Structure formats: structure tokens, C-alpha cells
N, C-alpha and C. Protein backbone atom coordinates (compact mmCIF):
# COMPACT_ATOMS: atom_id res chain seq x y z
N MET A 1 -3.30 56.72 58.64
CA MET A 1 -3.32 55.31 58.28
C MET A 1 -2.06 54.59 58.84
N PRO A 2 -2.26 53.52 59.59
CA PRO A 2 -1.13 52.82 60.18
C PRO A 2 -0.21 52.30 59.04
N ILE A 3 1.04 52.15 59.37
CA ILE A 3 2.09 51.76 58.37
C ILE A 3 1.77 50.42 57.74
N ILE A 4 1.27 49.46 58.51
CA ILE A 4 0.95 48.16 57.91
C ILE A 4 -0.14 48.24 56.87
N ASP A 5 -1.14 49.11 57.14
CA ASP A 5 -2.21 49.27 56.14
C ASP A 5 -1.69 49.94 54.88
N ARG A 6 -0.75 50.88 55.04
CA ARG A 6 -0.14 51.52 53.86
C ARG A 6 0.67 50.53 53.07
N ILE A 7 1.38 49.67 53.76
CA ILE A 7 2.23 48.67 53.09
C ILE A 7 1.31 47.66 52.36
N ASN A 8 0.25 47.27 52.96
CA ASN A 8 -0.67 46.29 52.35
C ASN A 8 -1.29 46.80 51.04
N HIS A 9 -1.36 48.13 50.85
CA HIS A 9 -1.90 48.68 49.65
C HIS A 9 -0.88 48.96 48.58
N LEU A 10 0.37 48.62 48.81
CA LEU A 10 1.42 48.80 47.82
C LEU A 10 1.37 47.70 46.78
N PRO A 11 1.89 47.99 45.62
CA PRO A 11 2.01 46.89 44.60
C PRO A 11 2.89 45.76 45.15
N ASN A 12 2.68 44.57 44.61
CA ASN A 12 3.39 43.36 45.08
C ASN A 12 4.90 43.54 45.10
N LEU A 13 5.46 44.10 44.05
CA LEU A 13 6.92 44.26 43.94
C LEU A 13 7.44 45.12 45.10
N GLN A 14 6.72 46.20 45.44
CA GLN A 14 7.16 47.06 46.51
C GLN A 14 7.09 46.35 47.85
N LYS A 15 6.06 45.52 48.08
CA LYS A 15 5.94 44.78 49.31
C LYS A 15 7.13 43.78 49.42
N GLN A 16 7.45 43.14 48.29
CA GLN A 16 8.57 42.21 48.28
C GLN A 16 9.86 42.90 48.61
N LEU A 17 10.08 44.07 48.01
CA LEU A 17 11.30 44.85 48.32
C LEU A 17 11.41 45.20 49.76
N ILE A 18 10.30 45.61 50.39
CA ILE A 18 10.29 45.98 51.82
C ILE A 18 10.61 44.74 52.69
N LYS A 19 9.99 43.64 52.38
CA LYS A 19 10.24 42.40 53.12
C LYS A 19 11.71 41.96 52.94
N PHE A 20 12.17 41.97 51.68
CA PHE A 20 13.55 41.63 51.36
C PHE A 20 14.55 42.53 52.15
N PHE A 21 14.22 43.82 52.26
CA PHE A 21 15.06 44.76 52.95
C PHE A 21 15.06 44.46 54.46
N VAL A 22 13.91 44.22 55.07
CA VAL A 22 13.82 43.91 56.50
C VAL A 22 14.56 42.63 56.79
N ILE A 23 14.37 41.59 56.03
CA ILE A 23 15.11 40.33 56.21
C ILE A 23 16.62 40.55 55.96
N GLY A 24 16.93 41.35 54.94
CA GLY A 24 18.32 41.63 54.65
C GLY A 24 19.01 42.33 55.78
N VAL A 25 18.32 43.25 56.46
CA VAL A 25 18.93 43.93 57.60
C VAL A 25 19.24 42.94 58.70
N LEU A 26 18.30 42.06 59.01
CA LEU A 26 18.48 41.03 60.00
C LEU A 26 19.66 40.09 59.63
N ALA A 27 19.65 39.58 58.40
CA ALA A 27 20.68 38.70 57.96
C ALA A 27 22.06 39.42 57.96
N THR A 28 22.05 40.70 57.63
CA THR A 28 23.30 41.49 57.61
C THR A 28 23.83 41.61 59.02
N LEU A 29 22.96 41.83 59.97
CA LEU A 29 23.40 41.95 61.38
C LEU A 29 24.02 40.60 61.84
N VAL A 30 23.42 39.48 61.41
CA VAL A 30 23.98 38.17 61.73
C VAL A 30 25.36 38.01 61.06
N ASP A 31 25.42 38.40 59.75
CA ASP A 31 26.63 38.35 59.01
C ASP A 31 27.73 39.22 59.67
N LEU A 32 27.36 40.39 60.01
CA LEU A 32 28.30 41.37 60.59
C LEU A 32 28.78 40.85 61.95
N PHE A 33 27.91 40.28 62.78
CA PHE A 33 28.30 39.73 64.09
C PHE A 33 29.36 38.66 63.95
N PHE A 34 29.06 37.73 63.04
CA PHE A 34 30.08 36.65 62.82
C PHE A 34 31.34 37.14 62.14
N TYR A 35 31.24 38.08 61.25
CA TYR A 35 32.40 38.68 60.57
C TYR A 35 33.34 39.28 61.64
N TRP A 36 32.74 40.05 62.49
CA TRP A 36 33.52 40.75 63.54
C TRP A 36 34.19 39.74 64.50
N ILE A 37 33.38 38.79 64.92
CA ILE A 37 33.92 37.74 65.82
C ILE A 37 35.08 36.99 65.18
N LEU A 38 34.88 36.61 63.90
CA LEU A 38 35.95 35.88 63.19
C LEU A 38 37.19 36.77 62.97
N LEU A 39 37.00 38.00 62.69
CA LEU A 39 38.13 38.96 62.52
C LEU A 39 38.93 39.08 63.81
N GLN A 40 38.27 38.95 64.92
CA GLN A 40 38.91 39.13 66.22
C GLN A 40 39.81 37.95 66.62
N GLY A 41 39.93 36.95 65.81
CA GLY A 41 40.91 35.95 66.10
C GLY A 41 40.56 34.51 65.83
N ILE A 42 39.28 34.19 65.76
CA ILE A 42 38.93 32.82 65.53
C ILE A 42 39.49 32.32 64.20
N ALA A 43 39.33 33.11 63.15
CA ALA A 43 39.75 32.70 61.83
C ALA A 43 41.30 32.64 61.71
N GLU A 44 42.00 33.36 62.62
CA GLU A 44 43.45 33.31 62.59
C GLU A 44 43.97 31.90 62.82
N PHE A 45 43.24 31.10 63.64
CA PHE A 45 43.63 29.75 63.93
C PHE A 45 43.42 28.76 62.77
N ILE A 46 42.63 29.17 61.79
CA ILE A 46 42.37 28.28 60.64
C ILE A 46 42.81 28.95 59.37
N GLN A 47 43.92 29.63 59.34
CA GLN A 47 44.43 30.28 58.15
C GLN A 47 44.98 29.28 57.15
N HIS A 48 45.25 28.07 57.59
CA HIS A 48 45.67 27.06 56.71
C HIS A 48 45.12 25.68 57.17
N ILE A 49 44.85 24.82 56.22
CA ILE A 49 44.36 23.47 56.49
C ILE A 49 45.19 22.49 55.71
N GLU A 50 45.62 21.43 56.32
CA GLU A 50 46.36 20.40 55.65
C GLU A 50 45.48 19.19 55.41
N VAL A 51 45.39 18.80 54.12
CA VAL A 51 44.60 17.64 53.79
C VAL A 51 45.43 16.77 52.85
N LEU A 52 45.68 15.53 53.35
CA LEU A 52 46.47 14.54 52.58
C LEU A 52 47.83 15.12 52.11
N GLY A 53 48.44 15.86 52.98
CA GLY A 53 49.75 16.39 52.70
C GLY A 53 49.78 17.74 51.97
N TYR A 54 48.61 18.15 51.48
CA TYR A 54 48.51 19.48 50.81
C TYR A 54 48.08 20.53 51.80
N VAL A 55 48.72 21.66 51.74
CA VAL A 55 48.39 22.76 52.65
C VAL A 55 47.62 23.83 51.86
N PHE A 56 46.39 24.09 52.36
CA PHE A 56 45.55 25.13 51.75
C PHE A 56 45.62 26.36 52.63
N ARG A 57 46.01 27.50 52.09
CA ARG A 57 46.17 28.73 52.86
C ARG A 57 45.00 29.65 52.53
N PHE A 58 44.54 30.34 53.58
CA PHE A 58 43.41 31.26 53.47
C PHE A 58 43.82 32.64 53.93
N ASP A 59 43.28 33.64 53.30
CA ASP A 59 43.46 35.01 53.76
C ASP A 59 42.50 35.18 54.91
N HIS A 60 42.97 35.72 56.03
CA HIS A 60 42.17 35.91 57.26
C HIS A 60 40.89 36.67 56.98
N GLN A 61 40.97 37.75 56.28
CA GLN A 61 39.82 38.62 56.01
C GLN A 61 38.82 37.91 55.08
N ASP A 62 39.35 37.25 53.99
CA ASP A 62 38.46 36.55 53.08
C ASP A 62 37.76 35.37 53.73
N LEU A 63 38.48 34.64 54.57
CA LEU A 63 37.89 33.48 55.27
C LEU A 63 36.81 33.93 56.24
N SER A 64 37.09 35.01 56.95
CA SER A 64 36.09 35.55 57.90
C SER A 64 34.85 36.00 57.18
N LYS A 65 35.02 36.67 56.04
CA LYS A 65 33.88 37.22 55.25
C LYS A 65 33.08 36.02 54.66
N SER A 66 33.79 35.00 54.21
CA SER A 66 33.10 33.85 53.61
C SER A 66 32.24 33.12 54.62
N ILE A 67 32.81 32.84 55.79
CA ILE A 67 32.07 32.12 56.79
C ILE A 67 30.86 32.90 57.31
N SER A 68 31.07 34.17 57.55
CA SER A 68 29.95 34.99 58.02
C SER A 68 28.86 35.14 56.98
N PHE A 69 29.26 35.23 55.73
CA PHE A 69 28.28 35.36 54.60
C PHE A 69 27.41 34.09 54.54
N VAL A 70 27.99 32.91 54.65
CA VAL A 70 27.26 31.67 54.60
C VAL A 70 26.23 31.59 55.74
N ILE A 71 26.66 31.99 56.95
CA ILE A 71 25.76 31.98 58.09
C ILE A 71 24.60 32.95 57.84
N GLY A 72 24.89 34.15 57.33
CA GLY A 72 23.79 35.08 57.03
C GLY A 72 22.87 34.56 55.97
N SER A 73 23.40 33.81 54.98
CA SER A 73 22.57 33.29 53.90
C SER A 73 21.55 32.24 54.40
N LEU A 74 21.88 31.57 55.50
CA LEU A 74 20.91 30.62 56.08
C LEU A 74 19.70 31.35 56.58
N VAL A 75 19.93 32.52 57.23
CA VAL A 75 18.83 33.38 57.72
C VAL A 75 18.03 33.87 56.55
N THR A 76 18.71 34.36 55.49
CA THR A 76 18.06 34.90 54.31
C THR A 76 17.18 33.87 53.63
N TYR A 77 17.70 32.67 53.43
CA TYR A 77 16.93 31.66 52.71
C TYR A 77 15.62 31.32 53.42
N ASN A 78 15.72 31.04 54.71
CA ASN A 78 14.57 30.57 55.43
C ASN A 78 13.50 31.69 55.60
N LEU A 79 13.91 32.90 55.90
CA LEU A 79 12.92 33.95 56.10
C LEU A 79 12.33 34.43 54.78
N ASN A 80 13.20 34.59 53.74
CA ASN A 80 12.64 35.03 52.44
C ASN A 80 11.76 33.96 51.83
N LYS A 81 12.08 32.71 51.98
CA LYS A 81 11.27 31.67 51.39
C LYS A 81 9.85 31.74 51.92
N PHE A 82 9.69 31.87 53.19
CA PHE A 82 8.33 31.84 53.76
C PHE A 82 7.62 33.16 53.77
N TRP A 83 8.32 34.25 53.99
CA TRP A 83 7.66 35.55 54.13
C TRP A 83 7.63 36.36 52.88
N THR A 84 8.78 36.58 52.25
CA THR A 84 8.85 37.43 51.05
C THR A 84 8.20 36.75 49.84
N TRP A 85 8.63 35.51 49.59
CA TRP A 85 8.21 34.81 48.37
C TRP A 85 7.08 33.84 48.61
N LYS A 86 6.69 33.62 49.86
CA LYS A 86 5.49 32.78 50.23
C LYS A 86 5.55 31.42 49.56
N GLN A 87 6.73 30.74 49.69
CA GLN A 87 6.88 29.41 49.18
C GLN A 87 6.89 28.44 50.37
N LYS A 88 5.95 27.51 50.41
CA LYS A 88 5.85 26.62 51.57
C LYS A 88 6.30 25.20 51.19
N ASP A 89 6.62 24.95 49.93
CA ASP A 89 7.02 23.60 49.58
C ASP A 89 8.45 23.32 50.02
N ARG A 90 8.85 22.08 49.97
CA ARG A 90 10.19 21.67 50.35
C ARG A 90 10.94 21.26 49.10
N SER A 91 11.20 22.25 48.24
CA SER A 91 11.86 21.97 47.01
C SER A 91 13.36 21.92 47.15
N ASN A 92 13.88 20.73 46.88
CA ASN A 92 15.37 20.62 46.88
C ASN A 92 16.00 21.40 45.76
N LEU A 93 15.27 21.45 44.62
CA LEU A 93 15.79 22.23 43.47
C LEU A 93 15.85 23.70 43.79
N ARG A 94 14.85 24.25 44.52
CA ARG A 94 14.89 25.65 44.90
C ARG A 94 16.07 25.95 45.86
N PHE A 95 16.30 24.98 46.77
CA PHE A 95 17.43 25.15 47.71
C PHE A 95 18.76 25.11 46.96
N ILE A 96 18.89 24.23 45.98
CA ILE A 96 20.11 24.15 45.17
C ILE A 96 20.28 25.43 44.38
N LYS A 97 19.20 25.93 43.78
CA LYS A 97 19.26 27.17 42.99
C LYS A 97 19.66 28.34 43.88
N PHE A 98 19.10 28.35 45.10
CA PHE A 98 19.46 29.44 46.05
C PHE A 98 20.93 29.42 46.34
N TYR A 99 21.50 28.26 46.64
CA TYR A 99 22.89 28.21 46.95
C TYR A 99 23.80 28.34 45.76
N MET A 100 23.30 28.05 44.56
CA MET A 100 24.07 28.41 43.36
C MET A 100 24.15 29.90 43.24
N LEU A 101 22.99 30.57 43.35
CA LEU A 101 22.98 32.02 43.32
C LEU A 101 23.87 32.61 44.43
N TYR A 102 23.79 32.09 45.60
CA TYR A 102 24.59 32.64 46.72
C TYR A 102 26.05 32.22 46.59
N GLY A 103 26.37 31.17 45.87
CA GLY A 103 27.78 30.85 45.59
C GLY A 103 28.42 31.97 44.77
N PHE A 104 27.70 32.38 43.71
CA PHE A 104 28.14 33.54 42.93
C PHE A 104 28.14 34.79 43.71
N SER A 105 27.13 34.95 44.53
CA SER A 105 27.01 36.13 45.37
C SER A 105 28.14 36.20 46.42
N LEU A 106 28.51 35.05 46.92
CA LEU A 106 29.64 35.01 47.89
C LEU A 106 30.89 35.47 47.22
N ILE A 107 31.20 34.96 46.01
CA ILE A 107 32.39 35.45 45.30
C ILE A 107 32.32 36.93 45.07
N LEU A 108 31.15 37.44 44.64
CA LEU A 108 30.98 38.85 44.40
C LEU A 108 31.18 39.63 45.71
N ASN A 109 30.61 39.13 46.78
CA ASN A 109 30.66 39.79 48.10
C ASN A 109 32.13 39.88 48.63
N VAL A 110 32.84 38.76 48.52
CA VAL A 110 34.22 38.72 49.02
C VAL A 110 35.11 39.60 48.16
N LEU A 111 34.91 39.58 46.84
CA LEU A 111 35.70 40.41 45.94
C LEU A 111 35.38 41.93 46.22
N ALA A 112 34.12 42.26 46.41
CA ALA A 112 33.77 43.66 46.71
C ALA A 112 34.39 44.10 48.03
N ASN A 113 34.33 43.21 49.02
CA ASN A 113 34.95 43.51 50.31
C ASN A 113 36.47 43.73 50.17
N LYS A 114 37.13 42.84 49.41
CA LYS A 114 38.55 42.90 49.18
C LYS A 114 38.87 44.19 48.43
N PHE A 115 38.11 44.52 47.43
CA PHE A 115 38.35 45.75 46.65
C PHE A 115 38.21 46.98 47.52
N ALA A 116 37.13 47.02 48.36
CA ALA A 116 36.92 48.18 49.23
C ALA A 116 38.07 48.29 50.25
N LEU A 117 38.45 47.19 50.85
CA LEU A 117 39.55 47.21 51.84
C LEU A 117 40.85 47.69 51.18
N TYR A 118 41.10 47.17 50.00
CA TYR A 118 42.34 47.59 49.27
C TYR A 118 42.29 49.10 49.02
N ALA A 119 41.17 49.56 48.51
CA ALA A 119 41.05 51.02 48.24
C ALA A 119 41.20 51.85 49.52
N LEU A 120 40.48 51.45 50.56
CA LEU A 120 40.51 52.20 51.81
C LEU A 120 41.90 52.23 52.45
N HIS A 121 42.65 51.19 52.24
CA HIS A 121 44.01 51.14 52.90
C HIS A 121 45.09 51.70 51.98
N ASN A 122 44.85 51.84 50.68
CA ASN A 122 45.96 52.21 49.79
C ASN A 122 45.81 53.52 49.09
N TYR A 123 44.67 54.16 49.17
CA TYR A 123 44.49 55.43 48.51
C TYR A 123 44.40 56.58 49.57
N ASP A 124 45.30 57.53 49.40
CA ASP A 124 45.43 58.61 50.42
C ASP A 124 44.13 59.37 50.54
N PHE A 125 43.39 59.59 49.48
CA PHE A 125 42.15 60.37 49.58
C PHE A 125 41.04 59.62 50.35
N LEU A 126 41.25 58.39 50.67
CA LEU A 126 40.28 57.63 51.48
C LEU A 126 40.80 57.42 52.91
N GLU A 127 41.91 58.02 53.21
CA GLU A 127 42.53 57.84 54.51
C GLU A 127 41.59 58.27 55.66
N PHE A 128 40.75 59.30 55.42
CA PHE A 128 39.89 59.85 56.46
C PHE A 128 38.72 58.93 56.85
N VAL A 129 38.44 57.92 56.03
CA VAL A 129 37.27 57.04 56.28
C VAL A 129 37.50 56.25 57.56
N PRO A 130 36.64 56.44 58.55
CA PRO A 130 36.76 55.67 59.80
C PRO A 130 36.16 54.26 59.62
N LEU A 131 36.49 53.40 60.53
CA LEU A 131 35.89 52.06 60.57
C LEU A 131 35.93 51.38 59.19
N LYS A 132 37.09 51.30 58.64
CA LYS A 132 37.27 50.80 57.25
C LYS A 132 36.67 49.41 57.05
N TYR A 133 36.76 48.52 58.03
CA TYR A 133 36.18 47.21 57.83
C TYR A 133 34.65 47.27 57.79
N PHE A 134 34.05 48.09 58.53
CA PHE A 134 32.58 48.24 58.49
C PHE A 134 32.15 48.88 57.16
N PHE A 135 32.90 49.82 56.68
CA PHE A 135 32.56 50.48 55.40
C PHE A 135 32.72 49.45 54.25
N ALA A 136 33.74 48.66 54.31
CA ALA A 136 33.98 47.63 53.27
C ALA A 136 32.85 46.62 53.35
N PHE A 137 32.45 46.19 54.55
CA PHE A 137 31.38 45.25 54.77
C PHE A 137 30.10 45.83 54.16
N GLY A 138 29.76 47.07 54.44
CA GLY A 138 28.59 47.70 53.87
C GLY A 138 28.56 47.75 52.38
N PHE A 139 29.75 48.14 51.82
CA PHE A 139 29.84 48.21 50.35
C PHE A 139 29.61 46.77 49.77
N ALA A 140 30.24 45.78 50.28
CA ALA A 140 30.11 44.44 49.75
C ALA A 140 28.68 43.94 49.88
N THR A 141 28.03 44.25 50.99
CA THR A 141 26.67 43.86 51.28
C THR A 141 25.74 44.51 50.23
N GLY A 142 25.92 45.76 49.98
CA GLY A 142 25.09 46.46 49.01
C GLY A 142 25.20 45.89 47.61
N VAL A 143 26.42 45.60 47.21
CA VAL A 143 26.68 45.01 45.88
C VAL A 143 25.94 43.68 45.76
N SER A 144 26.12 42.79 46.74
CA SER A 144 25.52 41.48 46.63
C SER A 144 24.03 41.50 46.87
N ALA A 145 23.51 42.47 47.63
CA ALA A 145 22.04 42.55 47.88
C ALA A 145 21.28 42.76 46.56
N VAL A 146 21.78 43.67 45.71
CA VAL A 146 21.09 43.95 44.44
C VAL A 146 21.07 42.68 43.60
N PHE A 147 22.23 41.99 43.53
CA PHE A 147 22.34 40.75 42.76
C PHE A 147 21.41 39.69 43.35
N ASN A 148 21.34 39.59 44.65
CA ASN A 148 20.52 38.54 45.30
C ASN A 148 19.02 38.77 45.10
N PHE A 149 18.59 40.03 45.20
CA PHE A 149 17.15 40.26 45.03
C PHE A 149 16.72 39.87 43.62
N ALA A 150 17.49 40.33 42.66
CA ALA A 150 17.12 39.98 41.24
C ALA A 150 17.16 38.47 41.05
N GLY A 151 18.14 37.80 41.55
CA GLY A 151 18.28 36.37 41.36
C GLY A 151 17.18 35.59 42.07
N GLN A 152 16.83 36.03 43.29
CA GLN A 152 15.75 35.34 44.02
C GLN A 152 14.40 35.56 43.31
N LYS A 153 14.12 36.79 42.93
CA LYS A 153 12.84 37.09 42.32
C LYS A 153 12.67 36.44 40.99
N LEU A 154 13.70 36.50 40.16
CA LEU A 154 13.58 36.09 38.78
C LEU A 154 13.94 34.60 38.52
N TRP A 155 14.62 34.00 39.50
CA TRP A 155 15.05 32.64 39.24
C TRP A 155 14.73 31.65 40.42
N VAL A 156 15.22 31.92 41.59
CA VAL A 156 15.06 30.94 42.67
C VAL A 156 13.58 30.81 43.10
N PHE A 157 12.92 31.94 43.36
CA PHE A 157 11.55 31.88 43.88
C PHE A 157 10.54 32.38 42.80
N ALA A 158 10.88 32.33 41.57
CA ALA A 158 10.02 32.84 40.50
C ALA A 158 8.72 32.09 40.51
N ILE A 159 7.61 32.81 40.39
CA ILE A 159 6.33 32.19 40.26
C ILE A 159 5.68 32.65 38.98
N ASN A 160 4.84 31.82 38.39
CA ASN A 160 4.21 32.23 37.15
C ASN A 160 3.08 33.22 37.39
N ASP A 161 2.56 33.80 36.31
CA ASP A 161 1.54 34.83 36.43
C ASP A 161 0.27 34.37 37.08
N GLU A 162 -0.15 33.09 36.85
CA GLU A 162 -1.36 32.61 37.48
C GLU A 162 -1.21 32.55 39.01
N GLU A 163 -0.07 32.04 39.51
CA GLU A 163 0.15 31.99 40.92
C GLU A 163 0.14 33.39 41.55
N GLU A 164 0.81 34.33 40.86
CA GLU A 164 0.91 35.67 41.40
C GLU A 164 -0.45 36.34 41.47
N SER A 165 -1.28 36.17 40.45
CA SER A 165 -2.59 36.83 40.45
C SER A 165 -3.58 36.19 41.47
N SER A 166 -3.28 34.95 41.85
CA SER A 166 -4.17 34.29 42.83
C SER A 166 -3.75 34.57 44.27
N GLU A 167 -2.65 35.26 44.49
CA GLU A 167 -2.27 35.57 45.86
C GLU A 167 -3.24 36.55 46.48
N ILE A 168 -3.42 36.47 47.75
CA ILE A 168 -4.24 37.38 48.51
C ILE A 168 -3.63 38.75 48.47
N ASP A 169 -4.42 39.81 48.32
CA ASP A 169 -3.87 41.17 48.18
C ASP A 169 -3.03 41.60 49.37
N SER A 170 -3.42 41.22 50.56
CA SER A 170 -2.58 41.66 51.71
C SER A 170 -1.53 40.68 51.99
N THR A 171 -0.46 40.73 51.28
CA THR A 171 0.64 39.74 51.37
C THR A 171 1.66 40.16 52.40
N PHE A 172 1.39 41.16 53.19
CA PHE A 172 2.38 41.58 54.17
C PHE A 172 2.27 40.75 55.45
N ASN A 173 1.30 39.88 55.56
CA ASN A 173 1.08 39.02 56.70
C ASN A 173 2.29 38.18 56.98
């Protein structure tokens, strides 16, 4: 049996998880690409911004992670909205809810990245771990992915039982 046929026969939650995972991998690659580019020097030029005489300072790693995360979230919103959650409306409320969720997720992601980098650079028993920035990126992504799936399913793109039961069974299209 071809893989698409097997997926079409899965319960709706499992299909949603598969779609969320596929989109998540794509969005993570976009996030990782921009994170790496920004770490290579672009964000060093904007470590501080002066507005009306006030100087705002940014940590190079946190700023890079924040910008890349926002870019990845644009991919996530658009693809999940139409494919995973099958929402075709242009709801401003849904968009606001998504970015409220991702605002919290961004904080969680940056803190998890910061925690992982701190641990990887300061604990001798983690000295052997190669590619510390990629490991920290993966850890932060995993933490925020669990939070994001639950938030999108239960709050941002939640549908009532009548809508869910009226969906066509082969929702992998």
C-alpha cells in the first residue's frame, strides 16, 4: 500500500501531526538558514539601536535567534493554516492568536536556546558535544514545537466537533 494511502487511513490527529511535522521541518530549515546567516555577522551590526537618545542593546545570539524564529513562523502560519488545519478564511483574530502564541513561543525558544548554549559551554561533561549552536537550535526547536502544536490545535485553529466530523476522510490532500 503506497504511503499516501496509509496516511489517508490514519485518524485525523495523526494526519495533523504528520502534516505539522513536515511543515515544521521546512520552517525549521528556513529558521536555521537565517539563524546561521545572522550568526555569521549580520546581527553583529545591529547589536544596539538608538531611539530618541536611548540605546537598546541586544545579545548577538538572542537577536539572531529571534529574527530567524519570526521568519520561520511566517512559513509555519501560512502552510499550517491551509494544509494542516484546512482554514481558508481570512480571520484577523486567528492571525492575532497565532502571533500571541508565537510571541510566547519565541520567548520559550530563545530561553531554551540560551539555556542549552550556557550548558554546552559551561559544563565540562558536555564539552564533547560538537556543533553546539546546532544542538542548542535543535533543543530550542523541539521545546517550542510541542508548545506550538498544542496551541495551534487547541486554540488558534480549533474547530468544533460539527466541523471536524464534516471533513472529508482523506484530509491528506
